[in-house]
Amino acid sequence: MELGLVGLGKMGGNMRERIRRAGHTVIGYDRNPDLADVHSLEELVGNLKGPRVVWVMVPAGAATQSTVDELAELLSPGDIVVDGGNSRWTDDEKHAEELRRKGIGFVDCGVSGGVWGLENGYALMYGGDAEDVAKVQPIFDALKPEGDFGAVHAGKVGAGHFAKMVHNGIEYAMMQAYAEGWELLEKVDSVTDVREVFRSWQEGTVIRSWLLDLAVNALDDDEHLDKLRGYAADSGEGRWTVEAAIDNAVPLPAITASLFARFASRQDDSPQMKMIAALRNQFGGHAVENKK
């Protein structure tokens, strides 16, 4: 099968290689000419035989919108666009309708696997009409991990990105739990080898996971994480998960707390804690620490 792939960064570049290893032809375009097989979207579309499938792996928002807009003018009825980036699920119906007016199909696909996906495969969650999904299926089969699991047709357009968003929300909460446990273990005097405690959990415990394995890898590189600053960004999907929970009246206390913990990590001197300290001093005479 032939595939056009737009966006050849850390994820897209490895995906191109994995698809090629499965025997498919991939024509890739990226704004960086050193990564690209062709030098424009127009050239990419012109090099594919119809019906074409073009997979978009660019940042969510304006970059994805402009790419979809351009492809809508270049592709033909019966072609398919797959959005494999981290787009917000509410954008998918808009993109699907824009392309539908041109007779072009649309599939949204949440992709998980990071830098390990080339060798291990990518977990895929896709949404769209069954007919459109079927046209992309050989590529899904090439990208997914070996075995019976790792890919799912999650539902209608938008379902793939919604499922990936919830996946990332869960990931936030799991990472936060490991981080809090690690900090507590590091704090007490009685535990003298926190790294090996984490390593011992990799077998036989109910909290073993790939994230735990990665935590041990990180501690092997930097046992007490002294080289790192305690700052964590968020990609946006954690926020969208919390917003969706509010819209649907679904309580997500752990995921919400993990998102807010990332916000707290960006404050060198918490304004909220200033007010807490001031109030404790006012009502109880508790000591405060003044800036030096």
Foldseek 3Di string as FASTA:
>chain_A
DEEEEEDCPLVNVLLCVLLVVVPYHYAYEYCPVVRGNDDDPLVSLVVDDPPYEYEYADEEDPVVVVVLVVVLVRHAAPHEYEYAYLYQLVCQVVSQVSNVVRNYGYKYKHWDDGNNQSPAAIQIEMAADPVRCVVCVSSNVSRAGPDDHRYDHQYHRSRRSLVNLVVVLVVLLLVVVVVVVLVVLVPDPVRDQSLVVLVVCCPDHPSHDVVSVVVSVVCVVPVSCPVDQQADDDSCSLVVVVVVCVVVVNDDVSSVVSVVVNVVSPDPDDPVVVVVQVVCCVPPVDDDDDDD
